[in-house]
PDB file of N, CA and C in Angstrom:
ATOM      1  N   MET A   1       0.619  -1.254  -0.060  1.00  0.00           N
ATOM      2  CA  MET A   1       0.277   0.600  -0.306  1.00  0.00           C
ATOM      3  C   MET A   1       1.321   1.201   0.263  1.00  0.00           C
ATOM      4  N   SER A   2       0.558   2.248  -0.631  1.00  0.00           N
ATOM      5  CA  SER A   2       0.835   3.252  -0.743  1.00  0.00           C
ATOM      6  C   SER A   2       0.143   4.377  -0.843  1.00  0.00           C
ATOM      7  N   VAL A   3       0.884   5.326  -0.472  1.00  0.00           N
ATOM      8  CA  VAL A   3       0.031   6.664  -0.211  1.00  0.00           C
ATOM      9  C   VAL A   3       0.343   7.378  -1.725  1.00  0.00           C
ATOM     10  N   SER A   4      -1.008   8.526  -1.567  1.00  0.00           N
ATOM     11  CA  SER A   4      -0.656   9.323  -3.255  1.00  0.00           C
ATOM     12  C   SER A   4      -0.731  10.317  -2.251  1.00  0.00           C
ATOM     13  N   LYS A   5      -0.259  11.720  -3.446  1.00  0.00           N
ATOM     14  CA  LYS A   5      -0.529  12.576  -3.382  1.00  0.00           C
ATOM     15  C   LYS A   5      -1.999  13.040  -2.819  1.00  0.00           C
ATOM     16  N   ASP A   6      -3.147  12.448  -3.264  1.00  0.00           N
ATOM     17  CA  ASP A   6      -4.305  13.284  -3.095  1.00  0.00           C
ATOM     18  C   ASP A   6      -4.762  12.582  -1.693  1.00  0.00           C
ATOM     19  N   ASP A   7      -4.376  11.593  -0.765  1.00  0.00           N
ATOM     20  CA  ASP A   7      -4.180  11.149   0.326  1.00  0.00           C
ATOM     21  C   ASP A   7      -3.681  12.054   0.949  1.00  0.00           C
ATOM     22  N   VAL A   8      -2.607  12.579   1.302  1.00  0.00           N
ATOM     23  CA  VAL A   8      -2.011  13.598   1.851  1.00  0.00           C
ATOM     24  C   VAL A   8      -2.820  14.881   1.802  1.00  0.00           C
ATOM     25  N   ALA A   9      -2.924  15.273   0.722  1.00  0.00           N
ATOM     26  CA  ALA A   9      -4.100  16.319   0.740  1.00  0.00           C
ATOM     27  C   ALA A   9      -5.358  16.588   1.851  1.00  0.00           C
ATOM     28  N   TYR A  10      -5.870  15.717   0.776  1.00  0.00           N
ATOM     29  CA  TYR A  10      -6.718  14.897   1.912  1.00  0.00           C
ATOM     30  C   TYR A  10      -6.671  14.499   3.255  1.00  0.00           C
ATOM     31  N   MET A  11      -5.229  14.573   4.126  1.00  0.00           N
ATOM     32  CA  MET A  11      -5.107  14.481   5.537  1.00  0.00           C
ATOM     33  C   MET A  11      -4.857  15.843   6.026  1.00  0.00           C
ATOM     34  N   ALA A  12      -4.626  16.377   5.379  1.00  0.00           N
ATOM     35  CA  ALA A  12      -4.236  17.621   5.365  1.00  0.00           C
ATOM     36  C   ALA A  12      -5.154  18.615   5.946  1.00  0.00           C
ATOM     37  N   ASN A  13      -6.066  18.503   4.659  1.00  0.00           N
ATOM     38  CA  ASN A  13      -7.095  19.165   4.871  1.00  0.00           C
ATOM     39  C   ASN A  13      -8.262  18.647   6.168  1.00  0.00           C
ATOM     40  N   LEU A  14      -7.965  17.300   6.336  1.00  0.00           N
ATOM     41  CA  LEU A  14      -9.436  17.234   7.755  1.00  0.00           C
ATOM     42  C   LEU A  14      -7.823  17.642   9.238  1.00  0.00           C
ATOM     43  N   ALA A  15      -6.992  18.139   8.695  1.00  0.00           N
ATOM     44  CA  ALA A  15      -6.307  18.564   9.616  1.00  0.00           C
ATOM     45  C   ALA A  15      -6.067  19.987  10.179  1.00  0.00           C
ATOM     46  N   ARG A  16      -6.565  20.019   8.740  1.00  0.00           N
ATOM     47  CA  ARG A  16      -7.083  21.912   8.930  1.00  0.00           C
ATOM     48  C   ARG A  16      -5.479  22.236   8.961  1.00  0.00           C
ATOM     49  N   LEU A  17      -4.671  21.687   8.117  1.00  0.00           N
ATOM     50  CA  LEU A  17      -3.236  22.586   7.557  1.00  0.00           C
ATOM     51  C   LEU A  17      -3.043  22.855   6.236  1.00  0.00           C
ATOM     52  N   LYS A  18      -2.540  23.525   6.103  1.00  0.00           N
ATOM     53  CA  LYS A  18      -2.227  24.312   4.566  1.00  0.00           C
ATOM     54  C   LYS A  18      -1.362  23.850   4.631  1.00  0.00           C
ATOM     55  N   VAL A  19      -0.382  22.785   3.303  1.00  0.00           N
ATOM     56  CA  VAL A  19       0.529  22.679   2.816  1.00  0.00           C
ATOM     57  C   VAL A  19       0.544  23.136   1.078  1.00  0.00           C
ATOM     58  N   THR A  20       1.673  23.354   0.837  1.00  0.00           N
ATOM     59  CA  THR A  20       2.674  23.744  -0.383  1.00  0.00           C
ATOM     60  C   THR A  20       2.304  21.908  -1.055  1.00  0.00           C
ATOM     61  N   ASP A  21       2.603  22.107  -2.176  1.00  0.00           N
ATOM     62  CA  ASP A  21       3.189  21.014  -3.353  1.00  0.00           C
ATOM     63  C   ASP A  21       4.138  20.049  -2.736  1.00  0.00           C
ATOM     64  N   SER A  22       5.251  21.500  -2.523  1.00  0.00           N
ATOM     65  CA  SER A  22       6.391  20.272  -1.660  1.00  0.00           C
ATOM     66  C   SER A  22       6.179  19.592  -0.753  1.00  0.00           C
ATOM     67  N   GLU A  23       5.593  20.269  -0.550  1.00  0.00           N
ATOM     68  CA  GLU A  23       5.307  20.084   1.125  1.00  0.00           C
ATOM     69  C   GLU A  23       4.734  18.475   1.208  1.00  0.00           C
ATOM     70  N   ILE A  24       3.638  18.293   0.418  1.00  0.00           N
ATOM     71  CA  ILE A  24       2.842  16.921  -0.580  1.00  0.00           C
ATOM     72  C   ILE A  24       3.387  16.074  -0.535  1.00  0.00           C
ATOM     73  N   GLU A  25       4.463  16.789  -1.390  1.00  0.00           N
ATOM     74  CA  GLU A  25       5.842  15.520  -1.443  1.00  0.00           C
ATOM     75  C   GLU A  25       6.280  14.664  -0.699  1.00  0.00           C
ATOM     76  N   GLN A  26       7.345  15.916   0.085  1.00  0.00           N
ATOM     77  CA  GLN A  26       7.763  15.275   1.186  1.00  0.00           C
ATOM     78  C   GLN A  26       7.165  14.584   2.437  1.00  0.00           C
ATOM     79  N   PHE A  27       5.628  14.950   2.263  1.00  0.00           N
ATOM     80  CA  PHE A  27       4.999  13.901   3.564  1.00  0.00           C
ATOM     81  C   PHE A  27       4.581  12.682   3.088  1.00  0.00           C
ATOM     82  N   GLN A  28       4.375  13.026   1.367  1.00  0.00           N
ATOM     83  CA  GLN A  28       4.273  11.348   0.572  1.00  0.00           C
ATOM     84  C   GLN A  28       5.604  10.806   1.166  1.00  0.00           C
ATOM     85  N   SER A  29       6.679  11.207   0.672  1.00  0.00           N
ATOM     86  CA  SER A  29       8.008  10.773   0.753  1.00  0.00           C
ATOM     87  C   SER A  29       7.702   9.469   1.936  1.00  0.00           C
ATOM     88  N   ASP A  30       7.836  10.789   2.765  1.00  0.00           N
ATOM     89  CA  ASP A  30       7.998  10.388   4.543  1.00  0.00           C
ATOM     90  C   ASP A  30       6.986   9.169   5.128  1.00  0.00           C
ATOM     91  N   MET A  31       5.695   9.392   4.343  1.00  0.00           N
ATOM     92  CA  MET A  31       4.622   8.387   4.826  1.00  0.00           C
ATOM     93  C   MET A  31       4.471   7.249   3.841  1.00  0.00           C
ATOM     94  N   ASN A  32       5.264   6.820   2.719  1.00  0.00           N
ATOM     95  CA  ASN A  32       5.303   5.585   2.211  1.00  0.00           C
ATOM     96  C   ASN A  32       6.573   4.510   2.818  1.00  0.00           C
ATOM     97  N   LYS A  33       7.303   5.711   3.165  1.00  0.00           N
ATOM     98  CA  LYS A  33       9.114   4.903   4.045  1.00  0.00           C
ATOM     99  C   LYS A  33       8.111   3.947   5.266  1.00  0.00           C
ATOM    100  N   ILE A  34       7.430   5.084   5.652  1.00  0.00           N
ATOM    101  CA  ILE A  34       6.701   4.493   7.245  1.00  0.00           C
ATOM    102  C   ILE A  34       5.858   3.533   7.489  1.00  0.00           C
ATOM    103  N   LEU A  35       5.279   3.148   6.012  1.00  0.00           N
ATOM    104  CA  LEU A  35       4.777   2.099   5.853  1.00  0.00           C
ATOM    105  C   LEU A  35       5.578   1.377   5.014  1.00  0.00           C
ATOM    106  N   GLY A  36       6.836   1.654   4.364  1.00  0.00           N
ATOM    107  CA  GLY A  36       7.281   0.299   4.333  1.00  0.00           C
ATOM    108  C   GLY A  36       8.020  -0.190   5.081  1.00  0.00           C
ATOM    109  N   TYR A  37       7.980   0.077   6.406  1.00  0.00           N
ATOM    110  CA  TYR A  37       8.574  -0.002   7.590  1.00  0.00           C
ATOM    111  C   TYR A  37       7.663  -0.926   7.773  1.00  0.00           C
ATOM    112  N   MET A  38       6.770  -0.550   8.227  1.00  0.00           N
ATOM    113  CA  MET A  38       6.108  -1.494   8.880  1.00  0.00           C
ATOM    114  C   MET A  38       5.550  -2.798   8.127  1.00  0.00           C
ATOM    115  N   GLU A  39       5.864  -3.258   6.779  1.00  0.00           N
ATOM    116  CA  GLU A  39       5.843  -3.797   6.117  1.00  0.00           C
ATOM    117  C   GLU A  39       6.266  -4.955   6.090  1.00  0.00           C
ATOM    118  N   LEU A  40       7.530  -3.845   6.439  1.00  0.00           N
ATOM    119  CA  LEU A  40       8.672  -5.025   7.028  1.00  0.00           C
ATOM    120  C   LEU A  40       8.927  -5.890   8.317  1.00  0.00           C
ATOM    121  N   LEU A  41       7.684  -4.767   9.068  1.00  0.00           N
ATOM    122  CA  LEU A  41       7.489  -5.348  10.386  1.00  0.00           C
ATOM    123  C   LEU A  41       6.807  -6.658  10.568  1.00  0.00           C
ATOM    124  N   ASN A  42       5.443  -6.128   9.191  1.00  0.00           N
ATOM    125  CA  ASN A  42       4.551  -7.821   9.333  1.00  0.00           C
ATOM    126  C   ASN A  42       5.507  -8.896   8.763  1.00  0.00           C
ATOM    127  N   GLN A  43       6.691  -8.492   8.604  1.00  0.00           N
ATOM    128  CA  GLN A  43       7.282 -10.177   7.819  1.00  0.00           C
ATOM    129  C   GLN A  43       8.532 -11.014   8.690  1.00  0.00           C
ATOM    130  N   VAL A  44       8.181  -9.936   9.852  1.00  0.00           N
ATOM    131  CA  VAL A  44       8.868 -10.670  10.958  1.00  0.00           C
ATOM    132  C   VAL A  44       8.064 -11.675  11.728  1.00  0.00           C
ATOM    133  N   ASP A  45       8.803 -13.309  11.996  1.00  0.00           N
ATOM    134  CA  ASP A  45       8.382 -13.821  12.542  1.00  0.00           C
ATOM    135  C   ASP A  45       7.816 -13.752  13.831  1.00  0.00           C
ATOM    136  N   THR A  46       6.377 -13.501  14.279  1.00  0.00           N
ATOM    137  CA  THR A  46       6.201 -13.434  15.863  1.00  0.00           C
ATOM    138  C   THR A  46       5.762 -14.501  16.370  1.00  0.00           C
ATOM    139  N   SER A  47       5.325 -15.541  15.473  1.00  0.00           N
ATOM    140  CA  SER A  47       4.789 -17.032  15.683  1.00  0.00           C
ATOM    141  C   SER A  47       5.118 -17.269  17.613  1.00  0.00           C
ATOM    142  N   ASN A  48       6.679 -17.516  18.309  1.00  0.00           N
ATOM    143  CA  ASN A  48       7.157 -17.753  19.347  1.00  0.00           C
ATOM    144  C   ASN A  48       7.286 -16.956  20.633  1.00  0.00           C
ATOM    145  N   VAL A  49       6.717 -15.509  19.870  1.00  0.00           N
ATOM    146  CA  VAL A  49       6.672 -14.456  21.114  1.00  0.00           C
ATOM    147  C   VAL A  49       6.089 -14.653  21.390  1.00  0.00           C
ATOM    148  N   GLU A  50       5.610 -14.614  22.837  1.00  0.00           N
ATOM    149  CA  GLU A  50       4.656 -14.099  23.949  1.00  0.00           C
ATOM    150  C   GLU A  50       4.390 -12.398  23.917  1.00  0.00           C
ATOM    151  N   PRO A  51       3.202 -12.443  24.052  1.00  0.00           N
ATOM    152  CA  PRO A  51       2.843 -11.282  23.827  1.00  0.00           C
ATOM    153  C   PRO A  51       2.899 -10.459  25.190  1.00  0.00           C
ATOM    154  N   LEU A  52       2.999  -9.034  25.232  1.00  0.00           N
ATOM    155  CA  LEU A  52       3.416  -8.449  26.057  1.00  0.00           C
ATOM    156  C   LEU A  52       2.668  -7.157  26.689  1.00  0.00           C
ATOM    157  N   ASP A  53       2.940  -6.777  27.713  1.00  0.00           N
ATOM    158  CA  ASP A  53       1.769  -5.419  27.780  1.00  0.00           C
ATOM    159  C   ASP A  53       3.214  -4.141  28.122  1.00  0.00           C
ATOM    160  N   HIS A  54       4.041  -4.363  28.229  1.00  0.00           N
ATOM    161  CA  HIS A  54       5.091  -3.567  28.196  1.00  0.00           C
ATOM    162  C   HIS A  54       6.479  -4.450  28.602  1.00  0.00           C
ATOM    163  N   VAL A  55       7.335  -3.933  27.488  1.00  0.00           N
ATOM    164  CA  VAL A  55       8.626  -3.862  27.052  1.00  0.00           C
ATOM    165  C   VAL A  55       9.330  -4.986  27.918  1.00  0.00           C
ATOM    166  N   ILE A  56       9.506  -3.943  28.905  1.00  0.00           N
ATOM    167  CA  ILE A  56      10.044  -3.934  30.772  1.00  0.00           C
ATOM    168  C   ILE A  56       9.153  -4.781  31.835  1.00  0.00           C
ATOM    169  N   GLU A  57       9.617  -6.183  31.978  1.00  0.00           N
ATOM    170  CA  GLU A  57       8.288  -6.679  32.958  1.00  0.00           C
ATOM    171  C   GLU A  57       8.480  -6.068  34.374  1.00  0.00           C
ATOM    172  N   LEU A  58       7.495  -5.509  35.064  1.00  0.00           N
ATOM    173  CA  LEU A  58       7.653  -5.059  36.530  1.00  0.00           C
ATOM    174  C   LEU A  58       6.803  -5.471  37.282  1.00  0.00           C
ATOM    175  N   PRO A  59       7.113  -5.472  38.163  1.00  0.00           N
ATOM    176  CA  PRO A  59       5.618  -6.084  39.334  1.00  0.00           C
ATOM    177  C   PRO A  59       5.470  -4.074  39.445  1.00  0.00           C
ATOM    178  N   PRO A  60       4.007  -4.532  39.681  1.00  0.00           N
ATOM    179  CA  PRO A  60       3.131  -2.997  40.302  1.00  0.00           C
ATOM    180  C   PRO A  60       4.030  -2.044  41.134  1.00  0.00           C
ATOM    181  N   ASN A  61       4.121  -1.274  41.493  1.00  0.00           N
ATOM    182  CA  ASN A  61       4.438  -0.573  42.307  1.00  0.00           C
ATOM    183  C   ASN A  61       3.136   0.534  42.998  1.00  0.00           C
ATOM    184  N   TYR A  62       2.666   0.171  43.886  1.00  0.00           N
ATOM    185  CA  TYR A  62       1.552   0.382  43.960  1.00  0.00           C
ATOM    186  C   TYR A  62       1.487   0.557  45.466  1.00  0.00           C
ATOM    187  N   ARG A  63       0.882   2.193  45.770  1.00  0.00           N
ATOM    188  CA  ARG A  63       0.801   2.810  47.108  1.00  0.00           C
ATOM    189  C   ARG A  63       0.247   1.961  47.868  1.00  0.00           C
ATOM    190  N   LYS A  64       0.635   1.866  49.148  1.00  0.00           N
ATOM    191  CA  LYS A  64      -0.212   1.317  50.643  1.00  0.00           C
ATOM    192  C   LYS A  64      -1.696   1.843  51.111  1.00  0.00           C
ATOM    193  N   ASP A  65      -2.488   0.659  50.898  1.00  0.00           N
ATOM    194  CA  ASP A  65      -3.972   1.535  50.912  1.00  0.00           C
ATOM    195  C   ASP A  65      -4.818   2.108  52.717  1.00  0.00           C
ATOM    196  N   VAL A  66      -4.713   3.198  52.688  1.00  0.00           N
ATOM    197  CA  VAL A  66      -4.160   3.391  54.246  1.00  0.00           C
ATOM    198  C   VAL A  66      -4.923   4.428  54.716  1.00  0.00           C
ATOM    199  N   ALA A  67      -6.325   4.170  55.086  1.00  0.00           N
ATOM    200  CA  ALA A  67      -7.459   4.783  55.596  1.00  0.00           C
ATOM    201  C   ALA A  67      -6.459   6.602  56.305  1.00  0.00           C
ATOM    202  N   PHE A  68      -7.057   7.295  56.432  1.00  0.00           N
ATOM    203  CA  PHE A  68      -6.295   8.171  57.014  1.00  0.00           C
ATOM    204  C   PHE A  68      -7.526   9.412  57.181  1.00  0.00           C
ATOM    205  N   GLU A  69      -7.608   9.982  58.005  1.00  0.00           N
ATOM    206  CA  GLU A  69      -8.658  11.338  58.731  1.00  0.00           C
ATOM    207  C   GLU A  69      -8.322  12.790  57.138  1.00  0.00           C
ATOM    208  N   PRO A  70      -9.819  12.811  56.499  1.00  0.00           N
ATOM    209  CA  PRO A  70      -9.654  13.891  55.271  1.00  0.00           C
ATOM    210  C   PRO A  70      -9.651  15.461  56.661  1.00  0.00           C
ATOM    211  N   LEU A  71      -8.496  16.132  56.041  1.00  0.00           N
ATOM    212  CA  LEU A  71      -8.400  17.471  57.078  1.00  0.00           C
ATOM    213  C   LEU A  71      -9.980  18.185  57.499  1.00  0.00           C
ATOM    214  N   ASP A  72      -9.946  19.007  58.232  1.00  0.00           N
ATOM    215  CA  ASP A  72     -11.439  19.553  58.699  1.00  0.00           C
ATOM    216  C   ASP A  72     -11.322  20.724  57.965  1.00  0.00           C
ATOM    217  N   HIS A  73     -12.790  20.547  57.562  1.00  0.00           N
ATOM    218  CA  HIS A  73     -12.720  22.072  57.086  1.00  0.00           C
ATOM    219  C   HIS A  73     -12.551  23.543  57.244  1.00  0.00           C
ATOM    220  N   ASP A  74     -13.015  23.823  59.110  1.00  0.00           N
ATOM    221  CA  ASP A  74     -11.701  24.994  59.569  1.00  0.00           C
ATOM    222  C   ASP A  74     -10.260  24.830  59.740  1.00  0.00           C
ATOM    223  N   GLU A  75      -9.766  23.687  59.917  1.00  0.00           N
ATOM    224  CA  GLU A  75      -8.443  23.457  59.825  1.00  0.00           C
ATOM    225  C   GLU A  75      -8.080  23.932  58.074  1.00  0.00           C
ATOM    226  N   ALA A  76      -8.898  23.336  56.988  1.00  0.00           N
ATOM    227  CA  ALA A  76      -8.266  23.831  55.573  1.00  0.00           C
ATOM    228  C   ALA A  76      -8.689  25.178  55.829  1.00  0.00           C
ATOM    229  N   LEU A  77      -9.391  26.037  56.082  1.00  0.00           N
ATOM    230  CA  LEU A  77      -9.202  27.717  55.697  1.00  0.00           C
ATOM    231  C   LEU A  77      -8.557  28.394  56.915  1.00  0.00           C
ATOM    232  N   LYS A  78      -7.945  27.510  58.005  1.00  0.00           N
ATOM    233  CA  LYS A  78      -7.050  28.345  58.435  1.00  0.00           C
ATOM    234  C   LYS A  78      -5.766  28.743  57.901  1.00  0.00           C
ATOM    235  N   ASN A  79      -5.256  27.691  56.854  1.00  0.00           N
ATOM    236  CA  ASN A  79      -3.817  27.407  56.303  1.00  0.00           C
ATOM    237  C   ASN A  79      -4.124  28.306  54.853  1.00  0.00           C
ATOM    238  N   ALA A  80      -5.445  28.538  54.648  1.00  0.00           N
ATOM    239  CA  ALA A  80      -5.588  29.568  53.456  1.00  0.00           C
ATOM    240  C   ALA A  80      -4.712  30.786  53.344  1.00  0.00           C
ATOM    241  N   PRO A  81      -4.246  31.140  52.958  1.00  0.00           N
ATOM    242  CA  PRO A  81      -3.511  32.581  52.939  1.00  0.00           C
ATOM    243  C   PRO A  81      -4.758  33.428  52.911  1.00  0.00           C
ATOM    244  N   ASP A  82      -5.914  33.567  52.405  1.00  0.00           N
ATOM    245  CA  ASP A  82      -7.204  34.510  52.347  1.00  0.00           C
ATOM    246  C   ASP A  82      -8.397  33.673  52.796  1.00  0.00           C
ATOM    247  N   ALA A  83      -8.936  33.823  53.588  1.00  0.00           N
ATOM    248  CA  ALA A  83     -10.495  33.106  53.171  1.00  0.00           C
ATOM    249  C   ALA A  83     -11.839  34.340  53.944  1.00  0.00           C
ATOM    250  N   ASP A  84     -12.678  33.688  53.553  1.00  0.00           N
ATOM    251  CA  ASP A  84     -13.950  34.540  53.280  1.00  0.00           C
ATOM    252  C   ASP A  84     -14.870  33.658  54.351  1.00  0.00           C
ATOM    253  N   SER A  85     -15.361  33.986  55.283  1.00  0.00           N
ATOM    254  CA  SER A  85     -16.044  32.760  55.520  1.00  0.00           C
ATOM    255  C   SER A  85     -16.231  31.374  55.330  1.00  0.00           C
ATOM    256  N   ASP A  86     -17.190  31.109  54.281  1.00  0.00           N
ATOM    257  CA  ASP A  86     -16.613  29.229  54.084  1.00  0.00           C
ATOM    258  C   ASP A  86     -15.744  29.313  52.902  1.00  0.00           C
ATOM    259  N   TYR A  87     -14.857  29.953  52.017  1.00  0.00           N
ATOM    260  CA  TYR A  87     -14.777  30.216  50.930  1.00  0.00           C
ATOM    261  C   TYR A  87     -13.674  30.768  51.035  1.00  0.00           C
ATOM    262  N   PHE A  88     -12.542  29.947  49.991  1.00  0.00           N
ATOM    263  CA  PHE A  88     -11.237  30.307  49.754  1.00  0.00           C
ATOM    264  C   PHE A  88     -11.266  31.665  49.136  1.00  0.00           C
ATOM    265  N   ARG A  89     -10.266  32.386  49.461  1.00  0.00           N
ATOM    266  CA  ARG A  89     -10.569  33.747  48.536  1.00  0.00           C
ATOM    267  C   ARG A  89      -8.921  33.798  47.269  1.00  0.00           C
ATOM    268  N   VAL A  90      -8.973  34.043  46.298  1.00  0.00           N
ATOM    269  CA  VAL A  90      -7.932  33.543  45.281  1.00  0.00           C
ATOM    270  C   VAL A  90      -7.789  34.889  44.580  1.00  0.00           C
ATOM    271  N   PRO A  91      -6.582  35.098  43.791  1.00  0.00           N
ATOM    272  CA  PRO A  91      -6.383  36.696  43.749  1.00  0.00           C
ATOM    273  C   PRO A  91      -7.283  36.732  41.962  1.00  0.00           C
ATOM    274  N   ARG A  92      -7.592  38.263  41.370  1.00  0.00           N
ATOM    275  CA  ARG A  92      -8.228  37.537  40.502  1.00  0.00           C
ATOM    276  C   ARG A  92      -7.355  37.648  39.216  1.00  0.00           C
ATOM    277  N   VAL A  93      -7.884  36.721  38.241  1.00  0.00           N
ATOM    278  CA  VAL A  93      -6.882  36.282  37.246  1.00  0.00           C
ATOM    279  C   VAL A  93      -6.922  36.656  35.886  1.00  0.00           C
ATOM    280  N   ILE A  94      -8.552  36.382  35.717  1.00  0.00           N
ATOM    281  CA  ILE A  94      -9.039  37.238  34.261  1.00  0.00           C
ATOM    282  C   ILE A  94      -9.910  38.149  34.412  1.00  0.00           C
ATOM    283  N   GLU A  95      -9.360  39.470  33.675  1.00  0.00           N
ATOM    284  CA  GLU A  95     -10.553  41.123  34.035  1.00  0.00           C
ATOM    285  C   GLU A  95     -11.146  40.723  33.509  1.00  0.00           C
TER     286      GLU A  95
END
């Protein structure tokens, strides 16, 4: 399978890209090289290879599931640089 100039122009249009004719030719060449490499990979015999989730098999590193008390509402407001009644006050960002 190869990519035509029309295919590249169509994909560029879908991506809302403006491309020149020389860029279309370059992208066509690059995509055809990639597809050629993929065809080469498809020819590799992997019948005796076990499928992997990751290239390097590592045991999962899960954190300890420890219950803890959540921060009290009043305690959280005490730590705030600026609070108003039950709310955090933050500086205005958008004018």
